[in-house]
Amino acid sequence: MVSKILFPLRTSVELFSDPTSPTAATRAKQAAILYDELIFEAGLYEVTTTPEGSSGEWTPPAQITSEILKHARDIPEAGATISLAVGVNTEHMVELFGGEITAYHMSEFHTGILDELAQFEPGWVKSVVVPNIPPASDPVGKAIRSLNSYDSKDKNFLSDLREQDLFRQKFIYQSFNRDSVLATYMGAAFNLTQLFTPMLERRGAAIVHAGGKAIDIIVPHLGALPWEAVLEFREHPGCGEARAKLREFEERVAREEPQDAMSFQQRVSQEVNGAIFGAWNDLRPNLREALGREAVMAGVSMYPIAGPIIAPGLGISEALARDFQDRRTWLAALWKLRDYPNQP
C-alpha cells in the first residue's frame, strides 16, 4: 500500500505565518521521509478577512513572480484596513466590503520545495491544480458543498468566533471541508495546522501518527538538511523499514492514550531511545571492536558501565556511521540522514 500526503494551500496557511521561516520546507522534508508520495497544490493562495467580508485569491504557478511573492509575504500590521471594490473603471466602482483586517494568510509550496526539487525530477513528488471548489456536478464538489451547508447552519459550532468574526469562521470550516474531501478522494492524508484542529473533533477524524515526533527526536536538524540528503535517505535500502519503525513508535504510544502533548512526546522519546539502544546491542560485537580501537588510539580506558567511555570528539554516532556504512538496516538509513556531511 502506497502512503500519500496532500499539501493543500488552504489548511497549510499557518506554515507561512512567519514570512522568513522555513517551516513549510521542513514539514515537506519530514513528509518525504515518512510517506511514499507527496502531492502539493500548486500556485499561491491569499485570503483576507474583515468583519464585513473576505477575499480569497489564487495565482497560477506560471504567474508567480518575485514581486508577487514579496507582496504576498508582507503581513499587514495590526489595525490595517482593506477595501474591495469592483467596476468597469475607476469612476464606476462599487465597494463590496471593507474594514479592519482580522486575518491575512498566504501559502505557496514553490519556494524551497517544488522549485528546488525540480532539478531532481523525483517521481514521488506531484503537483496538482484544483479549482476553489469543484463543480456541483462533480462528486467531490457535491460533498464539499454539502458539508459547508451543514456547518453554516450550526449556530453552536465555533460560536465565539461566529459572533466576533463570521468570515474567519467560514474560512476555517470551508477550507477544512474542501481539503479533507480532496484528500479522501486522492486516498491521502493531508497537512493540517492548529487553526483547523476544531474540525477534527467535529468530524471525528483520527490523527495519523506517521512518525513526525519520532523523526524530530532522531534528526532534530531536519530543516537544515538539503534536499539531496532526503533523496539519499529515500534511496537507502533501509528507508522503508525506517519509515515503518517511526510510525510504529508513535502508534504504540498513541494506544496508551497519554494525557497530554508533553506526555506523548516523552513516551515517543522513550520508544525511540529504547529501539536505538536495542539496535546498538544487536551490533555490540562490531561496535565494541570499533570503539575499542578508537579508545586505544586515544589513550583512554574502557570501563564496564552502561556504555563505552571514549575520548572527546570520538562520538558514538561517528563510530556508528562507520559501522553502518554498508548496512541495510532502518537505523543505518536514519543515521545517514542524521549525520549528513556539514550539517548541524
Protein backbone atom coordinates (compact mmCIF):
# COMPACT_ATOMS: atom_id res chain seq x y z
CA MET A 1 0.00 0.00 0.00
CA VAL A 2 1.44 3.36 -1.06
CA SER A 3 1.16 6.06 1.59
CA LYS A 4 0.41 9.57 0.35
CA ILE A 5 0.10 13.01 1.86
CA LEU A 6 -1.53 16.06 0.30
CA PHE A 7 -0.23 19.57 1.00
CA PRO A 8 -3.25 21.78 0.22
CA LEU A 9 -2.87 25.55 0.18
CA ARG A 10 -5.73 26.50 2.49
CA THR A 11 -5.25 24.26 5.53
CA SER A 12 -1.48 24.87 5.39
CA VAL A 13 -1.61 28.66 5.71
CA GLU A 14 -0.19 28.73 9.25
CA LEU A 15 3.07 27.29 7.93
CA PHE A 16 3.61 30.73 6.36
CA SER A 17 2.64 32.94 9.32
CA ASP A 18 6.31 33.98 9.58
CA PRO A 19 7.44 35.09 6.09
CA THR A 20 11.08 34.29 6.86
CA SER A 21 10.51 30.87 8.44
CA PRO A 22 11.41 27.65 6.56
CA THR A 23 8.59 25.81 8.34
CA ALA A 24 6.87 24.70 5.13
CA ALA A 25 10.07 23.26 3.65
CA THR A 26 10.83 21.49 6.93
CA ARG A 27 7.37 19.94 7.00
CA ALA A 28 7.79 18.83 3.38
CA LYS A 29 11.16 17.20 4.12
CA GLN A 30 9.62 15.43 7.09
CA ALA A 31 6.80 14.15 4.88
CA ALA A 32 9.33 12.97 2.27
CA ILE A 33 10.85 10.74 4.94
CA LEU A 34 7.54 9.45 6.28
CA TYR A 35 5.42 8.98 3.14
CA ASP A 36 5.86 7.25 -0.21
CA GLU A 37 4.28 10.04 -2.22
CA LEU A 38 3.89 13.81 -1.74
CA ILE A 39 1.19 15.83 -3.52
CA PHE A 40 1.39 19.63 -3.48
CA GLU A 41 -1.35 22.02 -4.51
CA ALA A 42 0.27 24.37 -6.99
CA GLY A 43 0.01 28.15 -7.12
CA LEU A 44 -0.16 30.88 -4.50
CA TYR A 45 -3.19 31.47 -2.30
CA GLU A 46 -4.03 34.62 -0.33
CA VAL A 47 -7.04 35.22 1.90
CA THR A 48 -8.01 38.35 3.80
CA THR A 49 -10.91 38.56 6.24
CA THR A 50 -12.69 41.53 7.82
CA PRO A 51 -15.87 41.75 9.93
CA GLU A 52 -17.75 42.65 6.74
CA GLY A 53 -16.42 40.09 4.27
CA SER A 54 -13.48 38.07 2.98
CA SER A 55 -11.42 37.86 -0.17
CA GLY A 56 -9.56 34.80 -1.45
CA GLU A 57 -7.29 34.89 -4.49
CA TRP A 58 -5.35 32.12 -6.22
CA THR A 59 -2.40 32.87 -8.51
CA PRO A 60 -1.47 30.15 -11.05
CA PRO A 61 2.13 28.84 -10.90
CA ALA A 62 3.10 30.39 -14.22
CA GLN A 63 2.12 33.84 -12.97
CA ILE A 64 4.04 33.77 -9.68
CA THR A 65 6.82 36.33 -9.80
CA SER A 66 9.34 37.53 -7.22
CA GLU A 67 7.33 40.75 -6.91
CA ILE A 68 4.12 38.85 -6.20
CA LEU A 69 5.91 36.70 -3.63
CA LYS A 70 7.38 39.76 -1.96
CA HIS A 71 3.96 41.42 -1.73
CA ALA A 72 2.25 38.23 -0.53
CA ARG A 73 4.76 37.81 2.29
CA ASP A 74 4.13 41.30 3.65
CA ILE A 75 1.92 40.62 6.68
CA PRO A 76 -0.46 43.58 7.31
CA GLU A 77 0.17 45.49 10.52
CA ALA A 78 -2.39 45.38 13.32
CA GLY A 79 -5.23 47.77 12.61
CA ALA A 80 -4.64 47.86 8.84
CA THR A 81 -7.75 48.23 6.69
CA ILE A 82 -8.81 46.97 3.30
CA SER A 83 -11.43 47.97 0.76
CA LEU A 84 -12.54 45.63 -2.02
CA ALA A 85 -14.39 47.18 -4.92
CA VAL A 86 -15.36 46.14 -8.45
CA GLY A 87 -16.26 48.12 -11.52
CA VAL A 88 -15.57 48.71 -15.18
CA ASN A 89 -13.27 51.68 -14.42
CA THR A 90 -12.10 53.86 -11.55
CA GLU A 91 -15.08 56.20 -11.93
CA HIS A 92 -17.68 53.47 -11.66
CA MET A 93 -16.60 51.32 -8.74
CA VAL A 94 -18.85 49.58 -6.24
CA GLU A 95 -17.40 48.66 -2.85
CA LEU A 96 -18.17 45.08 -1.89
CA PHE A 97 -16.81 45.25 1.63
CA GLY A 98 -14.11 46.91 3.67
CA GLY A 99 -12.90 47.46 7.18
CA GLU A 100 -10.16 46.41 9.56
CA ILE A 101 -8.30 43.25 8.61
CA THR A 102 -8.96 40.49 11.13
CA ALA A 103 -6.78 37.88 9.42
CA TYR A 104 -4.44 37.61 6.47
CA HIS A 105 -2.94 34.34 5.23
CA MET A 106 -0.89 33.25 2.25
CA SER A 107 0.57 29.93 1.19
CA GLU A 108 2.65 28.50 -1.66
CA PHE A 109 4.83 25.41 -1.98
CA HIS A 110 7.12 26.53 -4.78
CA THR A 111 9.76 28.41 -2.79
CA GLY A 112 12.21 26.00 -1.17
CA ILE A 113 10.21 22.91 -2.17
CA LEU A 114 8.92 22.44 -5.73
CA ASP A 115 11.45 24.89 -7.20
CA GLU A 116 14.37 23.10 -5.52
CA LEU A 117 13.10 19.60 -6.28
CA ALA A 118 12.54 20.35 -9.97
CA GLN A 119 16.20 19.68 -10.82
CA PHE A 120 15.99 16.15 -9.38
CA GLU A 121 12.64 15.26 -11.01
CA PRO A 122 11.66 12.82 -8.23
CA GLY A 123 8.83 10.53 -9.25
CA TRP A 124 7.37 10.63 -5.73
CA VAL A 125 6.52 14.35 -5.93
CA LYS A 126 3.41 15.59 -7.75
CA SER A 127 1.78 18.99 -8.06
CA VAL A 128 -1.90 19.47 -8.79
CA VAL A 129 -4.11 22.38 -9.75
CA VAL A 130 -7.51 22.25 -8.06
CA PRO A 131 -10.48 24.61 -8.54
CA ASN A 132 -11.59 26.60 -5.50
CA ILE A 133 -14.49 24.17 -5.24
CA PRO A 134 -15.07 21.61 -8.00
CA PRO A 135 -18.44 21.99 -9.76
CA ALA A 136 -21.58 20.63 -8.09
CA SER A 137 -21.87 18.03 -10.85
CA ASP A 138 -18.63 16.50 -9.59
CA PRO A 139 -18.98 14.11 -6.59
CA VAL A 140 -16.13 15.92 -4.83
CA GLY A 141 -17.72 19.32 -5.34
CA LYS A 142 -21.09 17.98 -4.21
CA ALA A 143 -19.61 16.54 -1.00
CA ILE A 144 -17.81 19.80 -0.17
CA ARG A 145 -20.95 21.88 -0.68
CA SER A 146 -22.99 19.50 1.46
CA LEU A 147 -20.54 19.80 4.37
CA ASN A 148 -20.37 23.59 4.02
CA SER A 149 -24.15 23.81 4.15
CA TYR A 150 -24.29 21.64 7.26
CA ASP A 151 -21.65 23.70 9.09
CA SER A 152 -23.18 27.05 8.13
CA LYS A 153 -26.45 26.09 9.84
CA ASP A 154 -24.86 25.04 13.13
CA LYS A 155 -25.06 28.13 15.35
CA ASN A 156 -23.18 26.43 18.19
CA PHE A 157 -20.05 25.46 16.29
CA LEU A 158 -17.24 27.95 16.97
CA SER A 159 -19.92 30.21 18.44
CA ASP A 160 -17.44 32.67 19.97
CA LEU A 161 -15.70 33.11 16.65
CA ARG A 162 -19.03 33.35 14.83
CA GLU A 163 -20.00 36.37 16.91
CA GLN A 164 -16.62 38.08 16.56
CA ASP A 165 -15.55 37.13 13.05
CA LEU A 166 -18.09 35.25 10.96
CA PHE A 167 -15.92 35.25 7.85
CA ARG A 168 -12.90 33.83 9.63
CA GLN A 169 -15.11 31.07 10.98
CA LYS A 170 -16.32 30.34 7.45
CA PHE A 171 -12.74 30.22 6.20
CA ILE A 172 -11.90 27.57 8.82
CA TYR A 173 -14.70 25.13 8.08
CA GLN A 174 -14.82 25.71 4.32
CA SER A 175 -11.07 25.19 3.96
CA PHE A 176 -11.15 22.04 6.07
CA ASN A 177 -14.11 20.62 4.17
CA ARG A 178 -12.52 21.28 0.79
CA ASP A 179 -9.11 19.87 1.65
CA SER A 180 -10.35 16.85 3.62
CA VAL A 181 -12.67 15.77 0.80
CA LEU A 182 -9.91 16.25 -1.78
CA ALA A 183 -7.52 14.18 0.32
CA THR A 184 -10.11 11.44 0.78
CA TYR A 185 -10.70 11.37 -2.98
CA MET A 186 -6.93 11.02 -3.55
CA GLY A 187 -6.55 8.34 -0.87
CA ALA A 188 -4.14 10.53 1.05
CA ALA A 189 -3.57 12.04 4.46
CA PHE A 190 -3.37 15.81 4.38
CA ASN A 191 -1.35 18.52 6.05
CA LEU A 192 -3.26 20.39 8.74
CA THR A 193 -2.24 23.18 11.12
CA GLN A 194 -3.59 24.16 14.51
CA LEU A 195 -6.09 26.71 13.20
CA PHE A 196 -8.19 23.88 11.80
CA THR A 197 -7.97 21.34 14.65
CA PRO A 198 -11.52 22.10 15.93
CA MET A 199 -12.73 20.43 12.73
CA LEU A 200 -11.03 17.17 13.65
CA GLU A 201 -13.19 16.70 16.73
CA ARG A 202 -16.27 17.88 14.85
CA ARG A 203 -15.77 15.25 12.14
CA GLY A 204 -14.48 12.57 14.49
CA ALA A 205 -11.37 12.35 12.33
CA ALA A 206 -8.34 10.43 13.56
CA ILE A 207 -4.88 11.97 13.64
CA VAL A 208 -2.39 9.96 11.60
CA HIS A 209 0.65 9.08 13.70
CA ALA A 210 3.11 8.87 10.84
CA GLY A 211 6.30 9.33 12.88
CA GLY A 212 6.78 13.10 12.83
CA LYS A 213 7.57 13.35 16.55
CA ALA A 214 9.95 10.40 16.31
CA ILE A 215 11.94 11.79 13.39
CA ASP A 216 12.25 15.13 15.21
CA ILE A 217 13.96 13.29 18.07
CA ILE A 218 16.37 11.35 15.86
CA VAL A 219 17.08 14.13 13.34
CA PRO A 220 16.44 17.41 15.20
CA HIS A 221 18.12 19.49 12.47
CA LEU A 222 15.98 18.14 9.65
CA GLY A 223 15.02 21.56 8.31
CA ALA A 224 18.69 22.46 7.79
CA LEU A 225 19.35 19.42 5.60
CA PRO A 226 19.47 19.95 1.83
CA TRP A 227 17.02 18.06 -0.34
CA GLU A 228 19.92 15.90 -1.54
CA ALA A 229 20.10 14.34 1.93
CA VAL A 230 16.40 13.48 1.84
CA LEU A 231 16.76 11.94 -1.62
CA GLU A 232 19.70 9.86 -0.43
CA PHE A 233 17.63 8.62 2.51
CA ARG A 234 14.82 7.56 0.19
CA GLU A 235 17.30 5.64 -1.96
CA HIS A 236 18.78 3.82 1.05
CA PRO A 237 17.69 0.14 1.19
CA GLY A 238 16.69 0.57 4.84
CA CYS A 239 14.37 3.56 4.33
CA GLY A 240 11.17 1.52 4.09
CA GLU A 241 11.89 -0.24 7.37
CA ALA A 242 12.86 3.09 8.96
CA ARG A 243 9.54 4.62 7.93
CA ALA A 244 7.66 1.68 9.43
CA LYS A 245 9.65 1.94 12.67
CA LEU A 246 8.96 5.66 13.07
CA ARG A 247 5.25 5.06 12.61
CA GLU A 248 5.35 2.11 14.99
CA PHE A 249 6.90 4.22 17.78
CA GLU A 250 4.07 6.74 17.70
CA GLU A 251 1.23 4.29 17.17
CA ARG A 252 2.33 2.25 20.18
CA VAL A 253 2.35 5.35 22.38
CA ALA A 254 -0.98 6.58 20.97
CA ARG A 255 -2.65 3.31 22.01
CA GLU A 256 -1.63 4.07 25.60
CA GLU A 257 -3.61 7.35 25.47
CA PRO A 258 -1.05 9.73 27.05
CA GLN A 259 -2.68 12.56 28.96
CA ASP A 260 -1.20 15.48 27.03
CA ALA A 261 1.18 16.51 24.26
CA MET A 262 4.16 16.58 26.63
CA SER A 263 3.48 13.05 27.83
CA PHE A 264 3.14 11.87 24.25
CA GLN A 265 6.48 13.44 23.31
CA GLN A 266 8.21 11.90 26.34
CA ARG A 267 6.83 8.44 25.67
CA VAL A 268 7.79 8.62 21.98
CA SER A 269 11.29 9.67 23.03
CA GLN A 270 11.49 6.63 25.31
CA GLU A 271 10.35 4.35 22.49
CA VAL A 272 12.91 5.82 20.10
CA ASN A 273 15.79 5.58 22.56
CA GLY A 274 14.86 2.05 23.53
CA ALA A 275 14.81 0.92 19.90
CA ILE A 276 18.13 2.62 19.13
CA PHE A 277 19.88 1.05 22.11
CA GLY A 278 18.32 -2.27 21.17
CA ALA A 279 19.82 -1.97 17.69
CA TRP A 280 23.17 -1.00 19.17
CA ASN A 281 23.01 -4.07 21.39
CA ASP A 282 22.47 -6.27 18.33
CA LEU A 283 25.58 -4.76 16.79
CA ARG A 284 27.59 -4.87 20.03
CA PRO A 285 30.49 -7.08 18.86
CA ASN A 286 31.31 -4.91 15.84
CA LEU A 287 30.60 -1.66 17.65
CA ARG A 288 32.67 -2.58 20.70
CA GLU A 289 35.53 -3.56 18.46
CA ALA A 290 35.36 -0.24 16.59
CA LEU A 291 35.11 1.79 19.79
CA GLY A 292 37.86 -0.24 21.39
CA ARG A 293 40.23 0.59 18.58
CA GLU A 294 39.43 4.28 18.93
CA ALA A 295 39.96 4.10 22.69
CA VAL A 296 43.38 2.51 22.35
CA MET A 297 44.42 5.09 19.77
CA ALA A 298 43.24 7.92 22.02
CA GLY A 299 44.90 6.50 25.13
CA VAL A 300 41.71 6.12 27.19
CA SER A 301 40.36 3.18 29.15
CA MET A 302 37.16 1.18 28.74
CA TYR A 303 35.05 0.65 31.85
CA PRO A 304 32.31 -1.94 32.42
CA ILE A 305 29.43 0.51 32.86
CA ALA A 306 26.26 1.22 30.87
CA GLY A 307 28.18 2.34 27.80
CA PRO A 308 31.70 2.80 26.49
CA ILE A 309 33.75 5.81 27.51
CA ILE A 310 35.53 7.37 24.57
CA ALA A 311 37.70 10.39 24.07
CA PRO A 312 36.13 13.81 23.31
CA GLY A 313 35.41 14.15 19.62
CA LEU A 314 35.08 10.40 19.08
CA GLY A 315 31.29 10.39 19.30
CA ILE A 316 29.24 7.23 19.27
CA SER A 317 27.37 8.44 16.20
CA GLU A 318 30.70 8.69 14.35
CA ALA A 319 31.51 5.09 15.21
CA LEU A 320 28.01 4.02 14.26
CA ALA A 321 28.21 5.84 10.95
CA ARG A 322 31.35 3.89 10.04
CA ASP A 323 29.95 0.63 11.33
CA PHE A 324 26.70 1.12 9.41
CA GLN A 325 28.41 2.14 6.18
CA ASP A 326 27.25 -0.88 4.20
CA ARG A 327 24.32 -1.99 6.35
CA ARG A 328 20.76 -2.15 5.10
CA THR A 329 19.07 -1.55 8.48
CA TRP A 330 16.46 1.09 9.35
CA LEU A 331 18.87 2.65 11.82
CA ALA A 332 21.58 2.90 9.18
CA ALA A 333 19.21 4.87 6.95
CA LEU A 334 18.25 7.27 9.74
CA TRP A 335 21.82 7.71 10.97
CA LYS A 336 22.97 8.55 7.48
CA LEU A 337 20.30 11.25 7.42
CA ARG A 338 21.21 12.46 10.91
CA ASP A 339 24.93 12.71 10.16
CA TYR A 340 24.71 14.11 6.65
CA PRO A 341 28.01 15.94 5.90
CA ASN A 342 28.42 19.52 7.09
CA GLN A 343 25.10 19.71 8.88
CA PRO A 344 24.43 20.84 12.49
